[in-house]
Amino acid sequence: MTGRVIIVTGGSSGIGFEVCKYLAEGGNDVILACRSKEKGNDAVHRIKLLYPNALLQFMQVCMHILFIKCWLLQMNAHDVHHVYCVVHKGGRLLTGDCRSSVKLT
C-alpha cells in the first residue's frame, strides 16, 4: 500500500511501532495515535531518522474502542478527510463501518 492515510493506534511501541515504520517506508501518510504525547513524539522522531521523507504525524488520543466513531470525526480538526483504514492496537484492522473489525494474521 502506498499513498493512503492510515491511522495506527498504539504506534509508539511494539507491533504498532513496527507497523508505523513499515507503512511510512511504503509512502503512506501515517498518523501514529497513542495516549502519551512524549512516547508518540519520540516514536515519530525515531521513524523519521530512518525515513526522513516519511509522511508521519503524532496524534494524542484516548483509545477506548467505544469512542472510535467520535475519534474519527475529530480527524477533521487535523485536516484528515479520508482515512483508508485504522490499524488498532492488538492487530485489528478497522475499515468502513467502525463497528466491525477483522483480526489480522
PDB file of N, CA and C in Angstrom:
ATOM      1  N   MET A   1       0.837  -1.179   0.000  1.00  0.00           N
ATOM      2  CA  MET A   1       0.000   0.000   0.000  1.00  0.00           C
ATOM      3  C   MET A   1       0.883   1.244   0.000  1.00  0.00           C
ATOM      4  N   THR A   2       0.510   2.197  -0.803  1.00  0.00           N
ATOM      5  CA  THR A   2       1.201   3.479  -0.805  1.00  0.00           C
ATOM      6  C   THR A   2       0.197   4.596  -1.000  1.00  0.00           C
ATOM      7  N   GLY A   3       0.553   5.775  -0.494  1.00  0.00           N
ATOM      8  CA  GLY A   3      -0.230   6.970  -0.733  1.00  0.00           C
ATOM      9  C   GLY A   3      -1.575   7.043  -0.042  1.00  0.00           C
ATOM     10  N   ARG A   4      -1.758   6.303   1.016  1.00  0.00           N
ATOM     11  CA  ARG A   4      -3.040   6.297   1.717  1.00  0.00           C
ATOM     12  C   ARG A   4      -2.872   6.816   3.134  1.00  0.00           C
ATOM     13  N   VAL A   5      -3.942   7.414   3.662  1.00  0.00           N
ATOM     14  CA  VAL A   5      -3.936   7.866   5.050  1.00  0.00           C
ATOM     15  C   VAL A   5      -4.309   6.683   5.930  1.00  0.00           C
ATOM     16  N   ILE A   6      -3.394   6.310   6.809  1.00  0.00           N
ATOM     17  CA  ILE A   6      -3.598   5.156   7.683  1.00  0.00           C
ATOM     18  C   ILE A   6      -3.316   5.574   9.119  1.00  0.00           C
ATOM     19  N   ILE A   7      -4.248   5.276   9.996  1.00  0.00           N
ATOM     20  CA  ILE A   7      -4.090   5.578  11.415  1.00  0.00           C
ATOM     21  C   ILE A   7      -3.667   4.299  12.123  1.00  0.00           C
ATOM     22  N   VAL A   8      -2.619   4.396  12.937  1.00  0.00           N
ATOM     23  CA  VAL A   8      -2.155   3.251  13.714  1.00  0.00           C
ATOM     24  C   VAL A   8      -2.252   3.622  15.180  1.00  0.00           C
ATOM     25  N   THR A   9      -3.114   2.922  15.918  1.00  0.00           N
ATOM     26  CA  THR A   9      -3.221   3.185  17.343  1.00  0.00           C
ATOM     27  C   THR A   9      -2.190   2.340  18.079  1.00  0.00           C
ATOM     28  N   GLY A  10      -1.716   2.859  19.189  1.00  0.00           N
ATOM     29  CA  GLY A  10      -0.678   2.149  19.934  1.00  0.00           C
ATOM     30  C   GLY A  10       0.627   2.083  19.160  1.00  0.00           C
ATOM     31  N   GLY A  11       0.875   3.096  18.332  1.00  0.00           N
ATOM     32  CA  GLY A  11       2.038   3.079  17.441  1.00  0.00           C
ATOM     33  C   GLY A  11       3.346   3.523  18.055  1.00  0.00           C
ATOM     34  N   SER A  12       3.356   3.796  19.348  1.00  0.00           N
ATOM     35  CA  SER A  12       4.592   4.290  19.958  1.00  0.00           C
ATOM     36  C   SER A  12       5.549   3.178  20.370  1.00  0.00           C
ATOM     37  N   SER A  13       5.077   1.931  20.368  1.00  0.00           N
ATOM     38  CA  SER A  13       5.960   0.830  20.774  1.00  0.00           C
ATOM     39  C   SER A  13       5.444  -0.491  20.202  1.00  0.00           C
ATOM     40  N   GLY A  14       6.271  -1.505  20.323  1.00  0.00           N
ATOM     41  CA  GLY A  14       5.876  -2.863  19.960  1.00  0.00           C
ATOM     42  C   GLY A  14       5.471  -3.028  18.511  1.00  0.00           C
ATOM     43  N   ILE A  15       4.458  -3.865  18.305  1.00  0.00           N
ATOM     44  CA  ILE A  15       3.993  -4.159  16.956  1.00  0.00           C
ATOM     45  C   ILE A  15       3.463  -2.899  16.272  1.00  0.00           C
ATOM     46  N   GLY A  16       2.760  -2.052  17.013  1.00  0.00           N
ATOM     47  CA  GLY A  16       2.243  -0.818  16.433  1.00  0.00           C
ATOM     48  C   GLY A  16       3.343   0.062  15.865  1.00  0.00           C
ATOM     49  N   PHE A  17       4.472   0.138  16.586  1.00  0.00           N
ATOM     50  CA  PHE A  17       5.609   0.924  16.116  1.00  0.00           C
ATOM     51  C   PHE A  17       6.167   0.336  14.821  1.00  0.00           C
ATOM     52  N   GLU A  18       6.281  -0.981  14.783  1.00  0.00           N
ATOM     53  CA  GLU A  18       6.803  -1.651  13.583  1.00  0.00           C
ATOM     54  C   GLU A  18       5.852  -1.466  12.403  1.00  0.00           C
ATOM     55  N   VAL A  19       4.547  -1.491  12.656  1.00  0.00           N
ATOM     56  CA  VAL A  19       3.571  -1.250  11.598  1.00  0.00           C
ATOM     57  C   VAL A  19       3.727   0.174  11.063  1.00  0.00           C
ATOM     58  N   CYS A  20       3.909   1.142  11.964  1.00  0.00           N
ATOM     59  CA  CYS A  20       4.116   2.536  11.543  1.00  0.00           C
ATOM     60  C   CYS A  20       5.352   2.661  10.670  1.00  0.00           C
ATOM     61  N   LYS A  21       6.437   2.024  11.063  1.00  0.00           N
ATOM     62  CA  LYS A  21       7.676   2.070  10.268  1.00  0.00           C
ATOM     63  C   LYS A  21       7.434   1.508   8.873  1.00  0.00           C
ATOM     64  N   TYR A  22       6.805   0.353   8.808  1.00  0.00           N
ATOM     65  CA  TYR A  22       6.556  -0.309   7.527  1.00  0.00           C
ATOM     66  C   TYR A  22       5.688   0.547   6.613  1.00  0.00           C
ATOM     67  N   LEU A  23       4.613   1.094   7.170  1.00  0.00           N
ATOM     68  CA  LEU A  23       3.700   1.903   6.366  1.00  0.00           C
ATOM     69  C   LEU A  23       4.336   3.223   5.930  1.00  0.00           C
ATOM     70  N   ALA A  24       5.117   3.832   6.820  1.00  0.00           N
ATOM     71  CA  ALA A  24       5.799   5.086   6.481  1.00  0.00           C
ATOM     72  C   ALA A  24       6.838   4.850   5.387  1.00  0.00           C
ATOM     73  N   GLU A  25       7.561   3.754   5.480  1.00  0.00           N
ATOM     74  CA  GLU A  25       8.553   3.419   4.463  1.00  0.00           C
ATOM     75  C   GLU A  25       7.890   3.220   3.100  1.00  0.00           C
ATOM     76  N   GLY A  26       6.654   2.719   3.116  1.00  0.00           N
ATOM     77  CA  GLY A  26       5.940   2.446   1.876  1.00  0.00           C
ATOM     78  C   GLY A  26       5.283   3.657   1.241  1.00  0.00           C
ATOM     79  N   GLY A  27       5.463   4.842   1.832  1.00  0.00           N
ATOM     80  CA  GLY A  27       4.947   6.058   1.219  1.00  0.00           C
ATOM     81  C   GLY A  27       3.531   6.428   1.615  1.00  0.00           C
ATOM     82  N   ASN A  28       3.043   5.871   2.706  1.00  0.00           N
ATOM     83  CA  ASN A  28       1.716   6.223   3.199  1.00  0.00           C
ATOM     84  C   ASN A  28       1.778   7.410   4.139  1.00  0.00           C
ATOM     85  N   ASP A  29       0.667   8.100   4.279  1.00  0.00           N
ATOM     86  CA  ASP A  29       0.532   9.193   5.236  1.00  0.00           C
ATOM     87  C   ASP A  29       0.051   8.557   6.536  1.00  0.00           C
ATOM     88  N   VAL A  30       0.960   8.375   7.482  1.00  0.00           N
ATOM     89  CA  VAL A  30       0.683   7.616   8.698  1.00  0.00           C
ATOM     90  C   VAL A  30       0.417   8.559   9.869  1.00  0.00           C
ATOM     91  N   ILE A  31      -0.666   8.289  10.565  1.00  0.00           N
ATOM     92  CA  ILE A  31      -0.974   9.013  11.794  1.00  0.00           C
ATOM     93  C   ILE A  31      -0.744   8.042  12.944  1.00  0.00           C
ATOM     94  N   LEU A  32       0.277   8.315  13.725  1.00  0.00           N
ATOM     95  CA  LEU A  32       0.628   7.498  14.873  1.00  0.00           C
ATOM     96  C   LEU A  32      -0.189   8.009  16.060  1.00  0.00           C
ATOM     97  N   ALA A  33      -1.153   7.234  16.477  1.00  0.00           N
ATOM     98  CA  ALA A  33      -2.070   7.663  17.531  1.00  0.00           C
ATOM     99  C   ALA A  33      -1.806   6.891  18.814  1.00  0.00           C
ATOM    100  N   CYS A  34      -1.622   7.626  19.902  1.00  0.00           N
ATOM    101  CA  CYS A  34      -1.454   6.990  21.202  1.00  0.00           C
ATOM    102  C   CYS A  34      -1.767   7.993  22.302  1.00  0.00           C
ATOM    103  N   ARG A  35      -1.783   7.509  23.534  1.00  0.00           N
ATOM    104  CA  ARG A  35      -2.150   8.370  24.661  1.00  0.00           C
ATOM    105  C   ARG A  35      -1.026   9.288  25.115  1.00  0.00           C
ATOM    106  N   SER A  36       0.203   8.796  25.094  1.00  0.00           N
ATOM    107  CA  SER A  36       1.328   9.548  25.639  1.00  0.00           C
ATOM    108  C   SER A  36       1.946  10.460  24.577  1.00  0.00           C
ATOM    109  N   LYS A  37       1.881  11.757  24.829  1.00  0.00           N
ATOM    110  CA  LYS A  37       2.467  12.724  23.902  1.00  0.00           C
ATOM    111  C   LYS A  37       3.976  12.516  23.792  1.00  0.00           C
ATOM    112  N   GLU A  38       4.621  12.288  24.921  1.00  0.00           N
ATOM    113  CA  GLU A  38       6.073  12.088  24.932  1.00  0.00           C
ATOM    114  C   GLU A  38       6.467  10.847  24.124  1.00  0.00           C
ATOM    115  N   LYS A  39       5.813   9.727  24.369  1.00  0.00           N
ATOM    116  CA  LYS A  39       6.145   8.491  23.647  1.00  0.00           C
ATOM    117  C   LYS A  39       5.798   8.600  22.167  1.00  0.00           C
ATOM    118  N   GLY A  40       4.681   9.249  21.861  1.00  0.00           N
ATOM    119  CA  GLY A  40       4.283   9.407  20.466  1.00  0.00           C
ATOM    120  C   GLY A  40       5.260  10.248  19.677  1.00  0.00           C
ATOM    121  N   ASN A  41       5.638  11.387  20.225  1.00  0.00           N
ATOM    122  CA  ASN A  41       6.599  12.252  19.540  1.00  0.00           C
ATOM    123  C   ASN A  41       7.955  11.579  19.406  1.00  0.00           C
ATOM    124  N   ASP A  42       8.360  10.809  20.421  1.00  0.00           N
ATOM    125  CA  ASP A  42       9.621  10.075  20.346  1.00  0.00           C
ATOM    126  C   ASP A  42       9.577   9.029  19.233  1.00  0.00           C
ATOM    127  N   ALA A  43       8.455   8.333  19.121  1.00  0.00           N
ATOM    128  CA  ALA A  43       8.318   7.317  18.074  1.00  0.00           C
ATOM    129  C   ALA A  43       8.378   7.954  16.686  1.00  0.00           C
ATOM    130  N   VAL A  44       7.693   9.070  16.501  1.00  0.00           N
ATOM    131  CA  VAL A  44       7.743   9.781  15.219  1.00  0.00           C
ATOM    132  C   VAL A  44       9.184  10.185  14.903  1.00  0.00           C
ATOM    133  N   HIS A  45       9.887  10.710  15.893  1.00  0.00           N
ATOM    134  CA  HIS A  45      11.280  11.126  15.701  1.00  0.00           C
ATOM    135  C   HIS A  45      12.152   9.941  15.275  1.00  0.00           C
ATOM    136  N   ARG A  46      11.992   8.794  15.949  1.00  0.00           N
ATOM    137  CA  ARG A  46      12.803   7.614  15.612  1.00  0.00           C
ATOM    138  C   ARG A  46      12.525   7.117  14.196  1.00  0.00           C
ATOM    139  N   ILE A  47      11.269   7.144  13.788  1.00  0.00           N
ATOM    140  CA  ILE A  47      10.935   6.690  12.431  1.00  0.00           C
ATOM    141  C   ILE A  47      11.468   7.674  11.394  1.00  0.00           C
ATOM    142  N   LYS A  48      11.364   8.965  11.681  1.00  0.00           N
ATOM    143  CA  LYS A  48      11.853   9.968  10.721  1.00  0.00           C
ATOM    144  C   LYS A  48      13.381   9.959  10.604  1.00  0.00           C
ATOM    145  N   LEU A  49      14.069   9.480  11.631  1.00  0.00           N
ATOM    146  CA  LEU A  49      15.513   9.298  11.500  1.00  0.00           C
ATOM    147  C   LEU A  49      15.823   8.220  10.470  1.00  0.00           C
ATOM    148  N   LEU A  50      14.991   7.176  10.433  1.00  0.00           N
ATOM    149  CA  LEU A  50      15.181   6.093   9.467  1.00  0.00           C
ATOM    150  C   LEU A  50      14.694   6.476   8.077  1.00  0.00           C
ATOM    151  N   TYR A  51      13.571   7.188   8.017  1.00  0.00           N
ATOM    152  CA  TYR A  51      12.937   7.566   6.758  1.00  0.00           C
ATOM    153  C   TYR A  51      12.631   9.061   6.790  1.00  0.00           C
ATOM    154  N   PRO A  52      13.619   9.898   6.460  1.00  0.00           N
ATOM    155  CA  PRO A  52      13.464  11.353   6.592  1.00  0.00           C
ATOM    156  C   PRO A  52      12.296  11.946   5.804  1.00  0.00           C
ATOM    157  N   ASN A  53      11.901  11.309   4.719  1.00  0.00           N
ATOM    158  CA  ASN A  53      10.811  11.837   3.895  1.00  0.00           C
ATOM    159  C   ASN A  53       9.452  11.246   4.272  1.00  0.00           C
ATOM    160  N   ALA A  54       9.410  10.521   5.365  1.00  0.00           N
ATOM    161  CA  ALA A  54       8.162   9.870   5.774  1.00  0.00           C
ATOM    162  C   ALA A  54       7.075  10.899   6.066  1.00  0.00           C
ATOM    163  N   LEU A  55       5.865  10.596   5.629  1.00  0.00           N
ATOM    164  CA  LEU A  55       4.693  11.404   5.943  1.00  0.00           C
ATOM    165  C   LEU A  55       4.082  10.814   7.204  1.00  0.00           C
ATOM    166  N   LEU A  56       4.494  11.349   8.335  1.00  0.00           N
ATOM    167  CA  LEU A  56       4.150  10.752   9.618  1.00  0.00           C
ATOM    168  C   LEU A  56       3.863  11.851  10.614  1.00  0.00           C
ATOM    169  N   GLN A  57       2.786  11.694  11.364  1.00  0.00           N
ATOM    170  CA  GLN A  57       2.475  12.670  12.403  1.00  0.00           C
ATOM    171  C   GLN A  57       1.917  11.955  13.627  1.00  0.00           C
ATOM    172  N   PHE A  58       2.055  12.593  14.753  1.00  0.00           N
ATOM    173  CA  PHE A  58       1.534  12.062  16.015  1.00  0.00           C
ATOM    174  C   PHE A  58       0.199  12.724  16.319  1.00  0.00           C
ATOM    175  N   MET A  59      -0.717  11.925  16.862  1.00  0.00           N
ATOM    176  CA  MET A  59      -1.975  12.457  17.354  1.00  0.00           C
ATOM    177  C   MET A  59      -2.261  11.827  18.717  1.00  0.00           C
ATOM    178  N   GLN A  60      -2.448  12.681  19.723  1.00  0.00           N
ATOM    179  CA  GLN A  60      -2.755  12.187  21.065  1.00  0.00           C
ATOM    180  C   GLN A  60      -4.245  11.905  21.161  1.00  0.00           C
ATOM    181  N   VAL A  61      -4.581  10.673  21.524  1.00  0.00           N
ATOM    182  CA  VAL A  61      -5.985  10.267  21.597  1.00  0.00           C
ATOM    183  C   VAL A  61      -6.216   9.324  22.769  1.00  0.00           C
ATOM    184  N   CYS A  62      -7.464   9.245  23.181  1.00  0.00           N
ATOM    185  CA  CYS A  62      -7.913   8.246  24.141  1.00  0.00           C
ATOM    186  C   CYS A  62      -8.352   7.043  23.317  1.00  0.00           C
ATOM    187  N   MET A  63      -7.891   5.866  23.637  1.00  0.00           N
ATOM    188  CA  MET A  63      -8.081   4.723  22.764  1.00  0.00           C
ATOM    189  C   MET A  63      -9.229   3.790  23.158  1.00  0.00           C
ATOM    190  N   HIS A  64     -10.270   4.285  23.763  1.00  0.00           N
ATOM    191  CA  HIS A  64     -11.407   3.432  24.076  1.00  0.00           C
ATOM    192  C   HIS A  64     -12.148   3.111  22.789  1.00  0.00           C
ATOM    193  N   ILE A  65     -12.236   1.842  22.431  1.00  0.00           N
ATOM    194  CA  ILE A  65     -12.844   1.433  21.164  1.00  0.00           C
ATOM    195  C   ILE A  65     -14.292   1.908  21.052  1.00  0.00           C
ATOM    196  N   LEU A  66     -14.979   2.086  22.177  1.00  0.00           N
ATOM    197  CA  LEU A  66     -16.367   2.534  22.136  1.00  0.00           C
ATOM    198  C   LEU A  66     -16.495   3.940  21.574  1.00  0.00           C
ATOM    199  N   PHE A  67     -15.411   4.707  21.605  1.00  0.00           N
ATOM    200  CA  PHE A  67     -15.456   6.082  21.135  1.00  0.00           C
ATOM    201  C   PHE A  67     -14.787   6.258  19.779  1.00  0.00           C
ATOM    202  N   ILE A  68     -14.571   5.159  19.056  1.00  0.00           N
ATOM    203  CA  ILE A  68     -13.812   5.242  17.807  1.00  0.00           C
ATOM    204  C   ILE A  68     -14.502   6.129  16.770  1.00  0.00           C
ATOM    205  N   LYS A  69     -15.839   6.093  16.695  1.00  0.00           N
ATOM    206  CA  LYS A  69     -16.521   6.937  15.720  1.00  0.00           C
ATOM    207  C   LYS A  69     -16.331   8.414  16.055  1.00  0.00           C
ATOM    208  N   CYS A  70     -16.455   8.767  17.326  1.00  0.00           N
ATOM    209  CA  CYS A  70     -16.227  10.167  17.721  1.00  0.00           C
ATOM    210  C   CYS A  70     -14.798  10.573  17.404  1.00  0.00           C
ATOM    211  N   TRP A  71     -13.879   9.668  17.646  1.00  0.00           N
ATOM    212  CA  TRP A  71     -12.469   9.925  17.383  1.00  0.00           C
ATOM    213  C   TRP A  71     -12.238  10.166  15.899  1.00  0.00           C
ATOM    214  N   LEU A  72     -12.848   9.359  15.057  1.00  0.00           N
ATOM    215  CA  LEU A  72     -12.680   9.544  13.617  1.00  0.00           C
ATOM    216  C   LEU A  72     -13.262  10.879  13.164  1.00  0.00           C
ATOM    217  N   LEU A  73     -14.335  11.318  13.806  1.00  0.00           N
ATOM    218  CA  LEU A  73     -14.890  12.625  13.474  1.00  0.00           C
ATOM    219  C   LEU A  73     -13.908  13.745  13.799  1.00  0.00           C
ATOM    220  N   GLN A  74     -13.053  13.534  14.800  1.00  0.00           N
ATOM    221  CA  GLN A  74     -12.067  14.543  15.180  1.00  0.00           C
ATOM    222  C   GLN A  74     -10.961  14.689  14.130  1.00  0.00           C
ATOM    223  N   MET A  75     -10.889  13.756  13.195  1.00  0.00           N
ATOM    224  CA  MET A  75      -9.869  13.838  12.150  1.00  0.00           C
ATOM    225  C   MET A  75     -10.000  15.137  11.363  1.00  0.00           C
ATOM    226  N   ASN A  76     -11.234  15.659  11.234  1.00  0.00           N
ATOM    227  CA  ASN A  76     -11.426  16.916  10.509  1.00  0.00           C
ATOM    228  C   ASN A  76     -10.604  18.038  11.122  1.00  0.00           C
ATOM    229  N   ALA A  77     -10.437  18.012  12.433  1.00  0.00           N
ATOM    230  CA  ALA A  77      -9.632  19.038  13.097  1.00  0.00           C
ATOM    231  C   ALA A  77      -8.165  18.940  12.699  1.00  0.00           C
ATOM    232  N   HIS A  78      -7.757  17.772  12.196  1.00  0.00           N
ATOM    233  CA  HIS A  78      -6.373  17.562  11.774  1.00  0.00           C
ATOM    234  C   HIS A  78      -6.252  17.540  10.257  1.00  0.00           C
ATOM    235  N   ASP A  79      -7.291  18.068   9.570  1.00  0.00           N
ATOM    236  CA  ASP A  79      -7.308  18.111   8.101  1.00  0.00           C
ATOM    237  C   ASP A  79      -7.159  16.734   7.471  1.00  0.00           C
ATOM    238  N   VAL A  80      -7.678  15.717   8.122  1.00  0.00           N
ATOM    239  CA  VAL A  80      -7.697  14.368   7.562  1.00  0.00           C
ATOM    240  C   VAL A  80      -9.139  14.100   7.153  1.00  0.00           C
ATOM    241  N   HIS A  81      -9.390  14.099   5.852  1.00  0.00           N
ATOM    242  CA  HIS A  81     -10.760  13.970   5.372  1.00  0.00           C
ATOM    243  C   HIS A  81     -11.054  12.594   4.790  1.00  0.00           C
ATOM    244  N   HIS A  82     -10.044  11.803   4.583  1.00  0.00           N
ATOM    245  CA  HIS A  82     -10.260  10.451   4.089  1.00  0.00           C
ATOM    246  C   HIS A  82      -9.249   9.529   4.769  1.00  0.00           C
ATOM    247  N   VAL A  83      -9.746   8.578   5.497  1.00  0.00           N
ATOM    248  CA  VAL A  83      -8.892   7.593   6.161  1.00  0.00           C
ATOM    249  C   VAL A  83      -9.111   6.262   5.472  1.00  0.00           C
ATOM    250  N   TYR A  84      -8.037   5.676   4.954  1.00  0.00           N
ATOM    251  CA  TYR A  84      -8.133   4.402   4.266  1.00  0.00           C
ATOM    252  C   TYR A  84      -8.452   3.285   5.250  1.00  0.00           C
ATOM    253  N   CYS A  85      -7.728   3.248   6.362  1.00  0.00           N
ATOM    254  CA  CYS A  85      -8.006   2.238   7.377  1.00  0.00           C
ATOM    255  C   CYS A  85      -7.380   2.648   8.704  1.00  0.00           C
ATOM    256  N   VAL A  86      -7.799   1.956   9.740  1.00  0.00           N
ATOM    257  CA  VAL A  86      -7.244   2.135  11.075  1.00  0.00           C
ATOM    258  C   VAL A  86      -6.679   0.783  11.503  1.00  0.00           C
ATOM    259  N   VAL A  87      -5.411   0.769  11.877  1.00  0.00           N
ATOM    260  CA  VAL A  87      -4.823  -0.436  12.454  1.00  0.00           C
ATOM    261  C   VAL A  87      -4.846  -0.214  13.955  1.00  0.00           C
ATOM    262  N   HIS A  88      -5.739  -0.920  14.608  1.00  0.00           N
ATOM    263  CA  HIS A  88      -5.954  -0.730  16.040  1.00  0.00           C
ATOM    264  C   HIS A  88      -5.004  -1.634  16.817  1.00  0.00           C
ATOM    265  N   LYS A  89      -4.504  -1.135  17.943  1.00  0.00           N
ATOM    266  CA  LYS A  89      -3.567  -1.922  18.742  1.00  0.00           C
ATOM    267  C   LYS A  89      -4.127  -3.317  18.976  1.00  0.00           C
ATOM    268  N   GLY A  90      -3.251  -4.272  19.011  1.00  0.00           N
ATOM    269  CA  GLY A  90      -3.674  -5.652  19.130  1.00  0.00           C
ATOM    270  C   GLY A  90      -3.882  -6.309  17.772  1.00  0.00           C
ATOM    271  N   GLY A  91      -3.554  -5.571  16.694  1.00  0.00           N
ATOM    272  CA  GLY A  91      -3.600  -6.161  15.358  1.00  0.00           C
ATOM    273  C   GLY A  91      -4.957  -6.193  14.706  1.00  0.00           C
ATOM    274  N   ARG A  92      -5.852  -5.301  15.090  1.00  0.00           N
ATOM    275  CA  ARG A  92      -7.165  -5.261  14.444  1.00  0.00           C
ATOM    276  C   ARG A  92      -7.180  -4.155  13.400  1.00  0.00           C
ATOM    277  N   LEU A  93      -7.690  -4.499  12.229  1.00  0.00           N
ATOM    278  CA  LEU A  93      -7.803  -3.555  11.127  1.00  0.00           C
ATOM    279  C   LEU A  93      -9.252  -3.106  11.049  1.00  0.00           C
ATOM    280  N   LEU A  94      -9.502  -1.806  11.207  1.00  0.00           N
ATOM    281  CA  LEU A  94     -10.859  -1.268  11.151  1.00  0.00           C
ATOM    282  C   LEU A  94     -11.040  -0.546   9.834  1.00  0.00           C
ATOM    283  N   THR A  95     -12.021  -0.957   9.054  1.00  0.00           N
ATOM    284  CA  THR A  95     -12.319  -0.296   7.790  1.00  0.00           C
ATOM    285  C   THR A  95     -13.815  -0.093   7.680  1.00  0.00           C
ATOM    286  N   GLY A  96     -14.215   0.853   6.867  1.00  0.00           N
ATOM    287  CA  GLY A  96     -15.639   1.073   6.618  1.00  0.00           C
ATOM    288  C   GLY A  96     -16.402   1.330   7.885  1.00  0.00           C
ATOM    289  N   ASP A  97     -17.361   0.467   8.181  1.00  0.00           N
ATOM    290  CA  ASP A  97     -18.156   0.581   9.386  1.00  0.00           C
ATOM    291  C   ASP A  97     -17.273   0.256  10.575  1.00  0.00           C
ATOM    292  N   CYS A  98     -17.007   1.226  11.413  1.00  0.00           N
ATOM    293  CA  CYS A  98     -16.049   1.062  12.505  1.00  0.00           C
ATOM    294  C   CYS A  98     -16.493   0.056  13.561  1.00  0.00           C
ATOM    295  N   ARG A  99     -17.743  -0.382  13.503  1.00  0.00           N
ATOM    296  CA  ARG A  99     -18.184  -1.373  14.477  1.00  0.00           C
ATOM    297  C   ARG A  99     -17.716  -2.757  14.136  1.00  0.00           C
ATOM    298  N   SER A 100     -17.298  -2.975  12.898  1.00  0.00           N
ATOM    299  CA  SER A 100     -16.799  -4.286  12.517  1.00  0.00           C
ATOM    300  C   SER A 100     -15.279  -4.244  12.447  1.00  0.00           C
ATOM    301  N   SER A 101     -14.655  -5.329  12.763  1.00  0.00           N
ATOM    302  CA  SER A 101     -13.198  -5.382  12.682  1.00  0.00           C
ATOM    303  C   SER A 101     -12.783  -6.769  12.227  1.00  0.00           C
ATOM    304  N   VAL A 102     -11.611  -6.835  11.624  1.00  0.00           N
ATOM    305  CA  VAL A 102     -11.080  -8.086  11.143  1.00  0.00           C
ATOM    306  C   VAL A 102      -9.746  -8.319  11.807  1.00  0.00           C
ATOM    307  N   LYS A 103      -9.560  -9.470  12.421  1.00  0.00           N
ATOM    308  CA  LYS A 103      -8.299  -9.793  13.081  1.00  0.00           C
ATOM    309  C   LYS A 103      -7.236 -10.062  12.028  1.00  0.00           C
ATOM    310  N   LEU A 104      -6.113  -9.383  12.104  1.00  0.00           N
ATOM    311  CA  LEU A 104      -5.011  -9.621  11.172  1.00  0.00           C
ATOM    312  C   LEU A 104      -4.240 -10.849  11.614  1.00  0.00           C
ATOM    313  N   THR A 105      -3.757 -11.624  10.653  1.00  0.00           N
ATOM    314  CA  THR A 105      -2.955 -12.800  10.974  1.00  0.00           C
ATOM    315  C   THR A 105      -1.582 -12.674  10.374  1.00  0.00           C
TER     316      THR A 105
END
